[in-house]
Amino acid sequence: MKRCASDGMKKINVGTELNKSYIEEVNKTFPNATPLTSLRGLLGPANDRIKDIIVEKATLFKI
């Protein structure tokens, strides 16, 4: 990362990784849903995955 910055890189996109990971997790949980299933339970794993990626990137980028 330091080399990228010293070589002039100004922006690093992680949005695609976040979107892809979120959709993958949602797809894993929604097949088990019924009309009475709480959205919190369905979206919780996807939110947790996003949190994990953000922590990983923050550590990598030393934020």
PDB file of N, CA and C in Angstrom:
ATOM      1  N   MET A   1       0.831  -1.179   0.000  1.00  0.00           N
ATOM      2  CA  MET A   1       0.000   0.000   0.000  1.00  0.00           C
ATOM      3  C   MET A   1       0.880   1.249   0.000  1.00  0.00           C
ATOM      4  N   LYS A   2       1.963   1.213   0.754  1.00  0.00           N
ATOM      5  CA  LYS A   2       2.850   2.379   0.787  1.00  0.00           C
ATOM      6  C   LYS A   2       3.441   2.638  -0.598  1.00  0.00           C
ATOM      7  N   ARG A   3       3.811   1.546  -1.286  1.00  0.00           N
ATOM      8  CA  ARG A   3       4.362   1.701  -2.628  1.00  0.00           C
ATOM      9  C   ARG A   3       3.324   2.289  -3.577  1.00  0.00           C
ATOM     10  N   CYS A   4       2.098   1.822  -3.468  1.00  0.00           N
ATOM     11  CA  CYS A   4       1.028   2.363  -4.320  1.00  0.00           C
ATOM     12  C   CYS A   4       0.892   3.864  -4.103  1.00  0.00           C
ATOM     13  N   ALA A   5       0.903   4.273  -2.845  1.00  0.00           N
ATOM     14  CA  ALA A   5       0.779   5.695  -2.538  1.00  0.00           C
ATOM     15  C   ALA A   5       1.980   6.466  -3.052  1.00  0.00           C
ATOM     16  N   SER A   6       3.174   5.923  -2.860  1.00  0.00           N
ATOM     17  CA  SER A   6       4.372   6.635  -3.322  1.00  0.00           C
ATOM     18  C   SER A   6       4.452   6.676  -4.840  1.00  0.00           C
ATOM     19  N   ASP A   7       3.808   5.709  -5.515  1.00  0.00           N
ATOM     20  CA  ASP A   7       3.762   5.700  -6.978  1.00  0.00           C
ATOM     21  C   ASP A   7       2.658   6.592  -7.530  1.00  0.00           C
ATOM     22  N   GLY A   8       1.904   7.245  -6.632  1.00  0.00           N
ATOM     23  CA  GLY A   8       0.912   8.212  -7.074  1.00  0.00           C
ATOM     24  C   GLY A   8      -0.535   7.764  -7.013  1.00  0.00           C
ATOM     25  N   MET A   9      -0.806   6.550  -6.545  1.00  0.00           N
ATOM     26  CA  MET A   9      -2.197   6.096  -6.456  1.00  0.00           C
ATOM     27  C   MET A   9      -2.923   6.944  -5.421  1.00  0.00           C
ATOM     28  N   LYS A  10      -4.053   7.466  -5.804  1.00  0.00           N
ATOM     29  CA  LYS A  10      -4.810   8.365  -4.927  1.00  0.00           C
ATOM     30  C   LYS A  10      -6.099   7.749  -4.395  1.00  0.00           C
ATOM     31  N   LYS A  11      -6.588   6.713  -5.066  1.00  0.00           N
ATOM     32  CA  LYS A  11      -7.885   6.162  -4.687  1.00  0.00           C
ATOM     33  C   LYS A  11      -7.865   4.648  -4.831  1.00  0.00           C
ATOM     34  N   ILE A  12      -8.438   3.983  -3.843  1.00  0.00           N
ATOM     35  CA  ILE A  12      -8.576   2.529  -3.883  1.00  0.00           C
ATOM     36  C   ILE A  12     -10.050   2.218  -3.666  1.00  0.00           C
ATOM     37  N   ASN A  13     -10.667   1.543  -4.638  1.00  0.00           N
ATOM     38  CA  ASN A  13     -12.087   1.211  -4.555  1.00  0.00           C
ATOM     39  C   ASN A  13     -12.275  -0.151  -3.899  1.00  0.00           C
ATOM     40  N   VAL A  14     -13.165  -0.213  -2.942  1.00  0.00           N
ATOM     41  CA  VAL A  14     -13.523  -1.487  -2.319  1.00  0.00           C
ATOM     42  C   VAL A  14     -15.025  -1.734  -2.400  1.00  0.00           C
ATOM     43  N   GLY A  15     -15.734  -0.827  -3.025  1.00  0.00           N
ATOM     44  CA  GLY A  15     -17.192  -0.921  -3.104  1.00  0.00           C
ATOM     45  C   GLY A  15     -17.675  -2.174  -3.803  1.00  0.00           C
ATOM     46  N   THR A  16     -17.014  -2.585  -4.873  1.00  0.00           N
ATOM     47  CA  THR A  16     -17.442  -3.778  -5.602  1.00  0.00           C
ATOM     48  C   THR A  16     -17.319  -5.010  -4.715  1.00  0.00           C
ATOM     49  N   GLU A  17     -16.224  -5.109  -3.972  1.00  0.00           N
ATOM     50  CA  GLU A  17     -16.050  -6.237  -3.058  1.00  0.00           C
ATOM     51  C   GLU A  17     -17.135  -6.244  -1.983  1.00  0.00           C
ATOM     52  N   LEU A  18     -17.465  -5.065  -1.463  1.00  0.00           N
ATOM     53  CA  LEU A  18     -18.515  -4.969  -0.448  1.00  0.00           C
ATOM     54  C   LEU A  18     -19.866  -5.393  -1.022  1.00  0.00           C
ATOM     55  N   ASN A  19     -20.203  -4.881  -2.191  1.00  0.00           N
ATOM     56  CA  ASN A  19     -21.486  -5.229  -2.827  1.00  0.00           C
ATOM     57  C   ASN A  19     -21.583  -6.724  -3.100  1.00  0.00           C
ATOM     58  N   LYS A  20     -20.534  -7.287  -3.684  1.00  0.00           N
ATOM     59  CA  LYS A  20     -20.526  -8.706  -4.034  1.00  0.00           C
ATOM     60  C   LYS A  20     -20.677  -9.569  -2.787  1.00  0.00           C
ATOM     61  N   SER A  21     -19.927  -9.260  -1.753  1.00  0.00           N
ATOM     62  CA  SER A  21     -19.976 -10.035  -0.514  1.00  0.00           C
ATOM     63  C   SER A  21     -21.340  -9.939   0.148  1.00  0.00           C
ATOM     64  N   TYR A  22     -21.924  -8.747   0.140  1.00  0.00           N
ATOM     65  CA  TYR A  22     -23.240  -8.553   0.743  1.00  0.00           C
ATOM     66  C   TYR A  22     -24.292  -9.413   0.042  1.00  0.00           C
ATOM     67  N   ILE A  23     -24.305  -9.353  -1.290  1.00  0.00           N
ATOM     68  CA  ILE A  23     -25.281 -10.117  -2.070  1.00  0.00           C
ATOM     69  C   ILE A  23     -25.075 -11.614  -1.882  1.00  0.00           C
ATOM     70  N   GLU A  24     -23.836 -12.070  -1.830  1.00  0.00           N
ATOM     71  CA  GLU A  24     -23.580 -13.497  -1.614  1.00  0.00           C
ATOM     72  C   GLU A  24     -24.137 -13.963  -0.269  1.00  0.00           C
ATOM     73  N   GLU A  25     -23.938 -13.174   0.772  1.00  0.00           N
ATOM     74  CA  GLU A  25     -24.443 -13.541   2.097  1.00  0.00           C
ATOM     75  C   GLU A  25     -25.974 -13.505   2.137  1.00  0.00           C
ATOM     76  N   VAL A  26     -26.563 -12.502   1.529  1.00  0.00           N
ATOM     77  CA  VAL A  26     -28.032 -12.420   1.484  1.00  0.00           C
ATOM     78  C   VAL A  26     -28.598 -13.632   0.739  1.00  0.00           C
ATOM     79  N   ASN A  27     -27.973 -14.008  -0.360  1.00  0.00           N
ATOM     80  CA  ASN A  27     -28.444 -15.168  -1.125  1.00  0.00           C
ATOM     81  C   ASN A  27     -28.363 -16.463  -0.314  1.00  0.00           C
ATOM     82  N   LYS A  28     -27.416 -16.540   0.607  1.00  0.00           N
ATOM     83  CA  LYS A  28     -27.298 -17.733   1.457  1.00  0.00           C
ATOM     84  C   LYS A  28     -28.434 -17.801   2.482  1.00  0.00           C
ATOM     85  N   THR A  29     -28.874 -16.656   2.986  1.00  0.00           N
ATOM     86  CA  THR A  29     -29.860 -16.661   4.057  1.00  0.00           C
ATOM     87  C   THR A  29     -31.309 -16.607   3.567  1.00  0.00           C
ATOM     88  N   PHE A  30     -31.573 -15.967   2.454  1.00  0.00           N
ATOM     89  CA  PHE A  30     -32.950 -15.794   2.002  1.00  0.00           C
ATOM     90  C   PHE A  30     -33.653 -17.083   1.571  1.00  0.00           C
ATOM     91  N   PRO A  31     -32.965 -18.088   1.040  1.00  0.00           N
ATOM     92  CA  PRO A  31     -33.697 -19.313   0.676  1.00  0.00           C
ATOM     93  C   PRO A  31     -34.399 -19.981   1.868  1.00  0.00           C
ATOM     94  N   ASN A  32     -33.936 -19.710   3.066  1.00  0.00           N
ATOM     95  CA  ASN A  32     -34.540 -20.301   4.258  1.00  0.00           C
ATOM     96  C   ASN A  32     -35.672 -19.448   4.830  1.00  0.00           C
ATOM     97  N   ALA A  33     -35.973 -18.340   4.191  1.00  0.00           N
ATOM     98  CA  ALA A  33     -36.951 -17.390   4.733  1.00  0.00           C
ATOM     99  C   ALA A  33     -38.388 -17.856   4.518  1.00  0.00           C
ATOM    100  N   THR A  34     -39.219 -17.468   5.461  1.00  0.00           N
ATOM    101  CA  THR A  34     -40.664 -17.649   5.340  1.00  0.00           C
ATOM    102  C   THR A  34     -41.281 -16.256   5.490  1.00  0.00           C
ATOM    103  N   PRO A  35     -42.569 -16.110   5.239  1.00  0.00           N
ATOM    104  CA  PRO A  35     -43.182 -14.786   5.402  1.00  0.00           C
ATOM    105  C   PRO A  35     -43.050 -14.213   6.818  1.00  0.00           C
ATOM    106  N   LEU A  36     -42.825 -15.064   7.794  1.00  0.00           N
ATOM    107  CA  LEU A  36     -42.703 -14.588   9.175  1.00  0.00           C
ATOM    108  C   LEU A  36     -41.253 -14.390   9.624  1.00  0.00           C
ATOM    109  N   THR A  37     -40.309 -14.611   8.735  1.00  0.00           N
ATOM    110  CA  THR A  37     -38.894 -14.472   9.083  1.00  0.00           C
ATOM    111  C   THR A  37     -38.533 -13.003   9.246  1.00  0.00           C
ATOM    112  N   SER A  38     -37.799 -12.715  10.294  1.00  0.00           N
ATOM    113  CA  SER A  38     -37.343 -11.348  10.545  1.00  0.00           C
ATOM    114  C   SER A  38     -36.240 -10.966   9.560  1.00  0.00           C
ATOM    115  N   LEU A  39     -36.354  -9.765   9.000  1.00  0.00           N
ATOM    116  CA  LEU A  39     -35.295  -9.279   8.115  1.00  0.00           C
ATOM    117  C   LEU A  39     -33.973  -9.126   8.862  1.00  0.00           C
ATOM    118  N   ARG A  40     -34.041  -8.819  10.140  1.00  0.00           N
ATOM    119  CA  ARG A  40     -32.806  -8.683  10.925  1.00  0.00           C
ATOM    120  C   ARG A  40     -32.003  -9.971  10.883  1.00  0.00           C
ATOM    121  N   GLY A  41     -32.699 -11.084  11.007  1.00  0.00           N
ATOM    122  CA  GLY A  41     -32.025 -12.368  10.968  1.00  0.00           C
ATOM    123  C   GLY A  41     -31.469 -12.704   9.601  1.00  0.00           C
ATOM    124  N   LEU A  42     -32.154 -12.243   8.566  1.00  0.00           N
ATOM    125  CA  LEU A  42     -31.701 -12.510   7.205  1.00  0.00           C
ATOM    126  C   LEU A  42     -30.533 -11.624   6.795  1.00  0.00           C
ATOM    127  N   LEU A  43     -30.563 -10.378   7.221  1.00  0.00           N
ATOM    128  CA  LEU A  43     -29.531  -9.433   6.801  1.00  0.00           C
ATOM    129  C   LEU A  43     -28.345  -9.373   7.761  1.00  0.00           C
ATOM    130  N   GLY A  44     -28.508  -9.911   8.968  1.00  0.00           N
ATOM    131  CA  GLY A  44     -27.431  -9.875   9.955  1.00  0.00           C
ATOM    132  C   GLY A  44     -26.124 -10.467   9.458  1.00  0.00           C
ATOM    133  N   PRO A  45     -26.134 -11.674   8.874  1.00  0.00           N
ATOM    134  CA  PRO A  45     -24.879 -12.248   8.378  1.00  0.00           C
ATOM    135  C   PRO A  45     -24.221 -11.391   7.289  1.00  0.00           C
ATOM    136  N   ALA A  46     -25.025 -10.781   6.439  1.00  0.00           N
ATOM    137  CA  ALA A  46     -24.466  -9.909   5.399  1.00  0.00           C
ATOM    138  C   ALA A  46     -23.831  -8.671   6.024  1.00  0.00           C
ATOM    139  N   ASN A  47     -24.499  -8.098   7.015  1.00  0.00           N
ATOM    140  CA  ASN A  47     -23.929  -6.938   7.711  1.00  0.00           C
ATOM    141  C   ASN A  47     -22.637  -7.313   8.425  1.00  0.00           C
ATOM    142  N   ASP A  48     -22.594  -8.493   9.021  1.00  0.00           N
ATOM    143  CA  ASP A  48     -21.380  -8.949   9.698  1.00  0.00           C
ATOM    144  C   ASP A  48     -20.233  -9.127   8.710  1.00  0.00           C
ATOM    145  N   ARG A  49     -20.547  -9.651   7.527  1.00  0.00           N
ATOM    146  CA  ARG A  49     -19.506  -9.834   6.496  1.00  0.00           C
ATOM    147  C   ARG A  49     -18.953  -8.491   6.057  1.00  0.00           C
ATOM    148  N   ILE A  50     -19.802  -7.502   5.888  1.00  0.00           N
ATOM    149  CA  ILE A  50     -19.355  -6.160   5.511  1.00  0.00           C
ATOM    150  C   ILE A  50     -18.443  -5.598   6.594  1.00  0.00           C
ATOM    151  N   LYS A  51     -18.836  -5.775   7.847  1.00  0.00           N
ATOM    152  CA  LYS A  51     -18.017  -5.293   8.960  1.00  0.00           C
ATOM    153  C   LYS A  51     -16.634  -5.946   8.921  1.00  0.00           C
ATOM    154  N   ASP A  52     -16.580  -7.257   8.669  1.00  0.00           N
ATOM    155  CA  ASP A  52     -15.304  -7.965   8.610  1.00  0.00           C
ATOM    156  C   ASP A  52     -14.414  -7.426   7.500  1.00  0.00           C
ATOM    157  N   ILE A  53     -15.004  -7.153   6.341  1.00  0.00           N
ATOM    158  CA  ILE A  53     -14.223  -6.617   5.222  1.00  0.00           C
ATOM    159  C   ILE A  53     -13.696  -5.231   5.557  1.00  0.00           C
ATOM    160  N   ILE A  54     -14.524  -4.403   6.173  1.00  0.00           N
ATOM    161  CA  ILE A  54     -14.090  -3.049   6.527  1.00  0.00           C
ATOM    162  C   ILE A  54     -12.941  -3.096   7.526  1.00  0.00           C
ATOM    163  N   VAL A  55     -13.034  -3.974   8.514  1.00  0.00           N
ATOM    164  CA  VAL A  55     -11.934  -4.110   9.476  1.00  0.00           C
ATOM    165  C   VAL A  55     -10.672  -4.566   8.774  1.00  0.00           C
ATOM    166  N   GLU A  56     -10.812  -5.528   7.858  1.00  0.00           N
ATOM    167  CA  GLU A  56      -9.665  -6.025   7.094  1.00  0.00           C
ATOM    168  C   GLU A  56      -9.018  -4.905   6.282  1.00  0.00           C
ATOM    169  N   LYS A  57      -9.826  -4.132   5.577  1.00  0.00           N
ATOM    170  CA  LYS A  57      -9.289  -3.049   4.739  1.00  0.00           C
ATOM    171  C   LYS A  57      -8.707  -1.929   5.606  1.00  0.00           C
ATOM    172  N   ALA A  58      -9.346  -1.609   6.703  1.00  0.00           N
ATOM    173  CA  ALA A  58      -8.833  -0.557   7.587  1.00  0.00           C
ATOM    174  C   ALA A  58      -7.468  -0.962   8.138  1.00  0.00           C
ATOM    175  N   THR A  59      -7.323  -2.234   8.460  1.00  0.00           N
ATOM    176  CA  THR A  59      -6.024  -2.725   8.931  1.00  0.00           C
ATOM    177  C   THR A  59      -4.993  -2.660   7.819  1.00  0.00           C
ATOM    178  N   LEU A  60      -5.379  -3.101   6.634  1.00  0.00           N
ATOM    179  CA  LEU A  60      -4.470  -3.090   5.485  1.00  0.00           C
ATOM    180  C   LEU A  60      -4.048  -1.677   5.126  1.00  0.00           C
ATOM    181  N   PHE A  61      -5.006  -0.753   5.133  1.00  0.00           N
ATOM    182  CA  PHE A  61      -4.719   0.624   4.749  1.00  0.00           C
ATOM    183  C   PHE A  61      -4.213   1.450   5.935  1.00  0.00           C
ATOM    184  N   LYS A  62      -4.193   0.834   7.121  1.00  0.00           N
ATOM    185  CA  LYS A  62      -3.738   1.494   8.348  1.00  0.00           C
ATOM    186  C   LYS A  62      -4.542   2.752   8.660  1.00  0.00           C
ATOM    187  N   ILE A  63      -5.863   2.596   8.590  1.00  0.00           N
ATOM    188  CA  ILE A  63      -6.766   3.723   8.887  1.00  0.00           C
ATOM    189  C   ILE A  63      -6.993   3.775  10.382  1.00  0.00           C
TER     190      ILE A  63
END
